[in-house]
N, C-alpha and C. Protein backbone atom coordinates (compact mmCIF):
# COMPACT_ATOMS: atom_id res chain seq x y z
N MET A 1 32.89 36.40 -28.55
CA MET A 1 31.48 36.53 -28.25
C MET A 1 30.88 35.22 -27.75
N ARG A 2 31.25 34.14 -28.38
CA ARG A 2 30.70 32.84 -28.00
C ARG A 2 31.08 32.44 -26.57
N PRO A 3 32.34 32.59 -26.14
CA PRO A 3 32.68 32.24 -24.75
C PRO A 3 31.88 33.06 -23.74
N LEU A 4 31.60 34.32 -24.05
CA LEU A 4 30.81 35.15 -23.15
C LEU A 4 29.39 34.61 -23.02
N LEU A 5 28.81 34.17 -24.12
CA LEU A 5 27.47 33.60 -24.12
C LEU A 5 27.43 32.32 -23.29
N MET A 6 28.44 31.48 -23.42
CA MET A 6 28.50 30.23 -22.66
C MET A 6 28.68 30.52 -21.17
N LEU A 7 29.46 31.54 -20.84
CA LEU A 7 29.67 31.90 -19.44
C LEU A 7 28.38 32.39 -18.81
N CYS A 8 27.61 33.18 -19.54
CA CYS A 8 26.32 33.67 -19.03
C CYS A 8 25.34 32.52 -18.84
N ALA A 9 25.30 31.61 -19.78
CA ALA A 9 24.39 30.46 -19.66
C ALA A 9 24.76 29.60 -18.46
N ALA A 10 26.05 29.38 -18.25
CA ALA A 10 26.51 28.59 -17.10
C ALA A 10 26.15 29.26 -15.79
N ALA A 11 26.26 30.58 -15.73
CA ALA A 11 25.92 31.31 -14.52
C ALA A 11 24.43 31.21 -14.22
N LEU A 12 23.60 31.32 -15.25
CA LEU A 12 22.16 31.21 -15.06
C LEU A 12 21.76 29.81 -14.62
N LEU A 13 22.31 28.80 -15.25
CA LEU A 13 21.98 27.42 -14.89
C LEU A 13 22.52 27.04 -13.53
N GLY A 14 23.63 27.59 -13.15
CA GLY A 14 24.21 27.29 -11.84
C GLY A 14 23.27 27.63 -10.70
N GLY A 15 22.53 28.69 -10.84
CA GLY A 15 21.57 29.08 -9.81
C GLY A 15 20.42 28.10 -9.70
N CYS A 16 20.06 27.45 -10.78
CA CYS A 16 18.96 26.49 -10.76
C CYS A 16 19.37 25.18 -10.11
N VAL A 17 20.58 24.79 -10.28
CA VAL A 17 21.03 23.49 -9.80
C VAL A 17 21.17 23.46 -8.29
N SER A 18 21.52 24.55 -7.66
CA SER A 18 21.82 24.55 -6.23
C SER A 18 20.63 24.12 -5.38
N ASN A 19 19.41 24.44 -5.79
CA ASN A 19 18.24 24.06 -5.00
C ASN A 19 17.99 22.57 -5.01
N SER A 20 18.34 21.86 -6.06
CA SER A 20 18.04 20.44 -6.15
C SER A 20 19.01 19.58 -5.37
N ASP A 21 20.03 20.18 -4.77
CA ASP A 21 20.99 19.41 -3.98
C ASP A 21 20.39 18.98 -2.65
N ASP A 22 19.40 19.67 -2.13
CA ASP A 22 18.77 19.34 -0.87
C ASP A 22 17.75 18.22 -1.11
N PRO A 23 17.97 17.03 -0.53
CA PRO A 23 17.03 15.92 -0.79
C PRO A 23 15.63 16.20 -0.27
N CYS A 24 15.48 17.14 0.62
CA CYS A 24 14.15 17.46 1.16
C CYS A 24 13.39 18.44 0.29
N GLU A 25 14.02 18.96 -0.75
CA GLU A 25 13.38 19.91 -1.65
C GLU A 25 13.05 19.27 -3.00
N GLN A 26 13.06 17.97 -3.07
CA GLN A 26 12.73 17.26 -4.31
C GLN A 26 11.21 17.20 -4.47
N PRO A 27 10.71 17.04 -5.67
CA PRO A 27 9.25 16.84 -5.84
C PRO A 27 8.87 15.48 -5.26
N TRP A 28 7.98 15.46 -4.29
CA TRP A 28 7.70 14.24 -3.55
C TRP A 28 7.02 13.17 -4.37
N ASP A 29 6.30 13.55 -5.41
CA ASP A 29 5.73 12.51 -6.27
C ASP A 29 6.85 11.78 -7.03
N GLY A 30 7.88 12.49 -7.40
CA GLY A 30 9.03 11.86 -8.07
C GLY A 30 9.82 10.96 -7.13
N VAL A 31 9.95 11.38 -5.88
CA VAL A 31 10.64 10.56 -4.89
C VAL A 31 9.85 9.29 -4.64
N GLY A 32 8.54 9.42 -4.51
CA GLY A 32 7.68 8.25 -4.31
C GLY A 32 7.72 7.30 -5.49
N GLU A 33 7.73 7.86 -6.70
CA GLU A 33 7.80 7.01 -7.90
C GLU A 33 9.11 6.24 -7.94
N ALA A 34 10.20 6.92 -7.62
CA ALA A 34 11.50 6.24 -7.60
C ALA A 34 11.52 5.13 -6.55
N ASP A 35 10.93 5.40 -5.38
CA ASP A 35 10.87 4.37 -4.33
C ASP A 35 10.03 3.19 -4.79
N GLY A 36 8.91 3.46 -5.47
CA GLY A 36 8.06 2.39 -5.98
C GLY A 36 8.77 1.56 -7.03
N LYS A 37 9.51 2.21 -7.91
CA LYS A 37 10.23 1.49 -8.96
C LYS A 37 11.33 0.60 -8.39
N LEU A 38 11.76 0.90 -7.17
CA LEU A 38 12.76 0.06 -6.50
C LEU A 38 12.11 -1.01 -5.62
N GLY A 39 10.78 -1.03 -5.60
CA GLY A 39 10.07 -2.05 -4.85
C GLY A 39 9.99 -1.80 -3.36
N PHE A 40 10.17 -0.57 -2.92
CA PHE A 40 10.05 -0.25 -1.50
C PHE A 40 8.59 -0.29 -1.07
N THR A 41 8.35 -0.63 0.18
CA THR A 41 7.01 -0.63 0.74
C THR A 41 6.61 0.80 1.09
N ALA A 42 5.35 0.97 1.49
CA ALA A 42 4.85 2.29 1.87
C ALA A 42 5.55 2.83 3.12
N GLN A 43 6.18 1.97 3.89
CA GLN A 43 6.90 2.43 5.07
C GLN A 43 8.14 3.24 4.70
N ARG A 44 8.52 3.22 3.46
CA ARG A 44 9.69 3.99 3.02
C ARG A 44 9.50 5.49 3.27
N VAL A 45 8.25 5.95 3.26
CA VAL A 45 8.00 7.38 3.51
C VAL A 45 8.49 7.77 4.90
N GLU A 46 8.49 6.84 5.84
CA GLU A 46 8.99 7.14 7.20
C GLU A 46 10.48 7.50 7.17
N PHE A 47 11.23 6.86 6.29
CA PHE A 47 12.64 7.19 6.11
C PHE A 47 12.78 8.66 5.72
N HIS A 48 11.97 9.09 4.77
CA HIS A 48 12.02 10.48 4.32
C HIS A 48 11.57 11.44 5.42
N GLN A 49 10.56 11.03 6.18
CA GLN A 49 10.07 11.88 7.27
C GLN A 49 11.14 12.04 8.35
N THR A 50 11.92 11.00 8.60
CA THR A 50 13.01 11.08 9.57
C THR A 50 14.03 12.11 9.13
N ARG A 51 14.31 12.15 7.84
CA ARG A 51 15.31 13.08 7.30
C ARG A 51 14.76 14.48 7.10
N CYS A 52 13.50 14.58 6.69
CA CYS A 52 12.98 15.88 6.25
C CYS A 52 11.82 16.42 7.08
N GLY A 53 11.34 15.65 8.02
CA GLY A 53 10.26 16.12 8.88
C GLY A 53 8.99 16.41 8.13
N ASP A 54 8.38 17.55 8.45
CA ASP A 54 7.08 17.88 7.86
C ASP A 54 7.19 18.45 6.45
N ARG A 55 8.38 18.49 5.90
CA ARG A 55 8.53 18.94 4.51
C ARG A 55 8.11 17.85 3.53
N VAL A 56 7.93 16.63 4.01
CA VAL A 56 7.48 15.53 3.16
C VAL A 56 5.99 15.69 2.89
N ASP A 57 5.61 15.66 1.63
CA ASP A 57 4.20 15.69 1.25
C ASP A 57 3.76 14.24 1.06
N ASP A 58 3.14 13.67 2.10
CA ASP A 58 2.75 12.26 2.09
C ASP A 58 1.83 11.91 0.92
N ALA A 59 0.88 12.78 0.62
CA ALA A 59 -0.08 12.50 -0.45
C ALA A 59 0.62 12.43 -1.80
N LEU A 60 1.49 13.40 -2.08
CA LEU A 60 2.23 13.37 -3.34
C LEU A 60 3.16 12.17 -3.42
N TRP A 61 3.84 11.87 -2.30
CA TRP A 61 4.73 10.70 -2.27
C TRP A 61 3.94 9.44 -2.58
N SER A 62 2.77 9.29 -1.97
CA SER A 62 1.94 8.10 -2.17
C SER A 62 1.49 7.96 -3.63
N GLN A 63 1.10 9.08 -4.25
CA GLN A 63 0.70 9.05 -5.66
C GLN A 63 1.84 8.55 -6.53
N GLY A 64 3.03 9.11 -6.30
CA GLY A 64 4.20 8.69 -7.07
C GLY A 64 4.56 7.25 -6.79
N HIS A 65 4.45 6.83 -5.53
CA HIS A 65 4.78 5.46 -5.14
C HIS A 65 3.90 4.47 -5.89
N GLN A 66 2.61 4.76 -5.98
CA GLN A 66 1.69 3.87 -6.71
C GLN A 66 2.08 3.78 -8.19
N LYS A 67 2.46 4.90 -8.76
CA LYS A 67 2.89 4.91 -10.17
C LYS A 67 4.16 4.07 -10.34
N GLY A 68 5.09 4.21 -9.41
CA GLY A 68 6.32 3.42 -9.46
C GLY A 68 6.07 1.94 -9.29
N LEU A 69 5.15 1.59 -8.39
CA LEU A 69 4.82 0.17 -8.19
C LEU A 69 4.17 -0.44 -9.42
N ALA A 70 3.38 0.37 -10.14
CA ALA A 70 2.78 -0.14 -11.38
C ALA A 70 3.87 -0.57 -12.35
N TRP A 71 4.95 0.15 -12.39
CA TRP A 71 6.08 -0.22 -13.25
C TRP A 71 6.82 -1.42 -12.66
N TYR A 72 7.08 -1.39 -11.37
CA TYR A 72 7.83 -2.45 -10.70
C TYR A 72 7.13 -3.80 -10.81
N CYS A 73 5.81 -3.81 -10.72
CA CYS A 73 5.06 -5.06 -10.66
C CYS A 73 4.75 -5.67 -12.02
N ARG A 74 5.29 -5.13 -13.09
CA ARG A 74 5.13 -5.75 -14.41
C ARG A 74 5.85 -7.09 -14.41
N PRO A 75 5.28 -8.10 -15.04
CA PRO A 75 5.89 -9.45 -15.03
C PRO A 75 7.34 -9.47 -15.50
N GLU A 76 7.63 -8.77 -16.58
CA GLU A 76 9.00 -8.81 -17.10
C GLU A 76 9.99 -8.18 -16.11
N HIS A 77 9.56 -7.16 -15.39
CA HIS A 77 10.47 -6.54 -14.43
C HIS A 77 10.68 -7.45 -13.22
N LEU A 78 9.61 -8.08 -12.74
CA LEU A 78 9.76 -8.97 -11.58
C LEU A 78 10.72 -10.11 -11.88
N TYR A 79 10.60 -10.67 -13.07
CA TYR A 79 11.51 -11.75 -13.47
C TYR A 79 12.95 -11.25 -13.50
N LEU A 80 13.16 -10.09 -14.12
CA LEU A 80 14.52 -9.54 -14.20
C LEU A 80 15.06 -9.14 -12.84
N ALA A 81 14.19 -8.63 -11.97
CA ALA A 81 14.62 -8.26 -10.62
C ALA A 81 15.09 -9.50 -9.86
N GLY A 82 14.36 -10.59 -10.00
CA GLY A 82 14.79 -11.84 -9.37
C GLY A 82 16.07 -12.35 -9.97
N ARG A 83 16.19 -12.21 -11.26
CA ARG A 83 17.38 -12.69 -11.98
C ARG A 83 18.64 -11.93 -11.56
N THR A 84 18.50 -10.66 -11.20
CA THR A 84 19.67 -9.87 -10.81
C THR A 84 19.95 -9.94 -9.31
N GLY A 85 19.16 -10.73 -8.58
CA GLY A 85 19.43 -10.93 -7.16
C GLY A 85 18.81 -9.89 -6.24
N GLU A 86 17.86 -9.12 -6.74
CA GLU A 86 17.20 -8.12 -5.90
C GLU A 86 16.30 -8.81 -4.88
N GLU A 87 15.79 -8.03 -3.95
CA GLU A 87 14.90 -8.52 -2.90
C GLU A 87 13.47 -8.13 -3.23
N TYR A 88 12.53 -9.06 -3.11
CA TYR A 88 11.11 -8.75 -3.30
C TYR A 88 10.49 -8.53 -1.92
N ARG A 89 9.78 -7.41 -1.77
CA ARG A 89 9.24 -7.02 -0.47
C ARG A 89 7.73 -7.19 -0.36
N GLY A 90 7.13 -7.95 -1.26
CA GLY A 90 5.69 -8.21 -1.18
C GLY A 90 4.82 -7.00 -1.47
N VAL A 91 5.17 -6.19 -2.43
CA VAL A 91 4.47 -4.93 -2.69
C VAL A 91 3.46 -4.97 -3.84
N CYS A 92 3.41 -6.05 -4.58
CA CYS A 92 2.55 -6.09 -5.76
C CYS A 92 1.15 -6.58 -5.41
N PRO A 93 0.13 -6.04 -6.09
CA PRO A 93 -1.26 -6.43 -5.80
C PRO A 93 -1.50 -7.93 -5.95
N ASN A 94 -0.98 -8.53 -7.00
CA ASN A 94 -1.11 -9.97 -7.20
C ASN A 94 0.15 -10.64 -6.66
N ASP A 95 0.22 -10.69 -5.33
CA ASP A 95 1.44 -11.11 -4.66
C ASP A 95 1.87 -12.53 -5.03
N ALA A 96 0.94 -13.45 -5.14
CA ALA A 96 1.30 -14.85 -5.45
C ALA A 96 1.96 -14.94 -6.82
N GLN A 97 1.39 -14.28 -7.81
CA GLN A 97 1.96 -14.28 -9.16
C GLN A 97 3.31 -13.57 -9.16
N ALA A 98 3.40 -12.47 -8.44
CA ALA A 98 4.65 -11.71 -8.38
C ALA A 98 5.76 -12.57 -7.76
N ARG A 99 5.44 -13.26 -6.68
CA ARG A 99 6.45 -14.11 -6.03
C ARG A 99 6.90 -15.24 -6.96
N LYS A 100 5.97 -15.77 -7.73
CA LYS A 100 6.30 -16.85 -8.67
C LYS A 100 7.27 -16.34 -9.75
N LEU A 101 6.96 -15.19 -10.33
CA LEU A 101 7.83 -14.62 -11.37
C LEU A 101 9.21 -14.27 -10.79
N PHE A 102 9.20 -13.71 -9.61
CA PHE A 102 10.46 -13.35 -8.96
C PHE A 102 11.30 -14.60 -8.68
N ALA A 103 10.63 -15.66 -8.21
CA ALA A 103 11.34 -16.92 -7.92
C ALA A 103 11.91 -17.54 -9.20
N GLN A 104 11.17 -17.44 -10.29
CA GLN A 104 11.67 -17.96 -11.56
C GLN A 104 12.93 -17.21 -11.98
N GLY A 105 12.91 -15.90 -11.82
CA GLY A 105 14.10 -15.11 -12.12
C GLY A 105 15.23 -15.45 -11.17
N ARG A 106 14.93 -15.61 -9.91
CA ARG A 106 15.93 -15.94 -8.90
C ARG A 106 16.60 -17.27 -9.22
N GLN A 107 15.81 -18.23 -9.70
CA GLN A 107 16.38 -19.53 -10.08
C GLN A 107 17.43 -19.35 -11.17
N GLY A 108 17.13 -18.50 -12.15
CA GLY A 108 18.12 -18.20 -13.19
C GLY A 108 19.35 -17.53 -12.62
N TRP A 109 19.16 -16.71 -11.58
CA TRP A 109 20.28 -16.00 -10.94
C TRP A 109 21.19 -16.99 -10.22
N THR A 110 20.60 -17.95 -9.52
CA THR A 110 21.41 -18.91 -8.75
C THR A 110 22.10 -19.92 -9.65
N ASP A 111 21.59 -20.10 -10.88
CA ASP A 111 22.22 -21.03 -11.82
C ASP A 111 23.49 -20.48 -12.44
N GLN A 112 23.73 -19.19 -12.28
CA GLN A 112 24.88 -18.56 -12.93
C GLN A 112 26.17 -18.93 -12.26
C-alpha cells in the first residue's frame, strides 16, 4: 500500500515541476529579487527581455530587484562580497559608503 501512495504522490508532483523548467515562466518578482541579491543593475531586465520578450513583467521584476538590492547593499554583505572577489556594479543608494566597504573586503581578499 505504501509504495502505491508514494507512486501517486510522485505522479502528482511531477506535473507541477514541469512548468518551472521554463525560465520565462518564473515569477518575475522572484527573478528580480535574485538579480538584486547578486548586485545586478536595472539593465539586467534587458537580458530577460531578450530571452523572454513580452512575457517579462517589468513592474514585478523591478519590485523584486529593489527588495534584492536592499539585501545586497547591507554593510556586512558588501564587505563579504568584496572579500570573496565579487564585482561591485555601483547599485547601492549610498554608493560612496558601499564602495568603501567593498574595497575593505577586497583588501582582505587580495591579502590571501
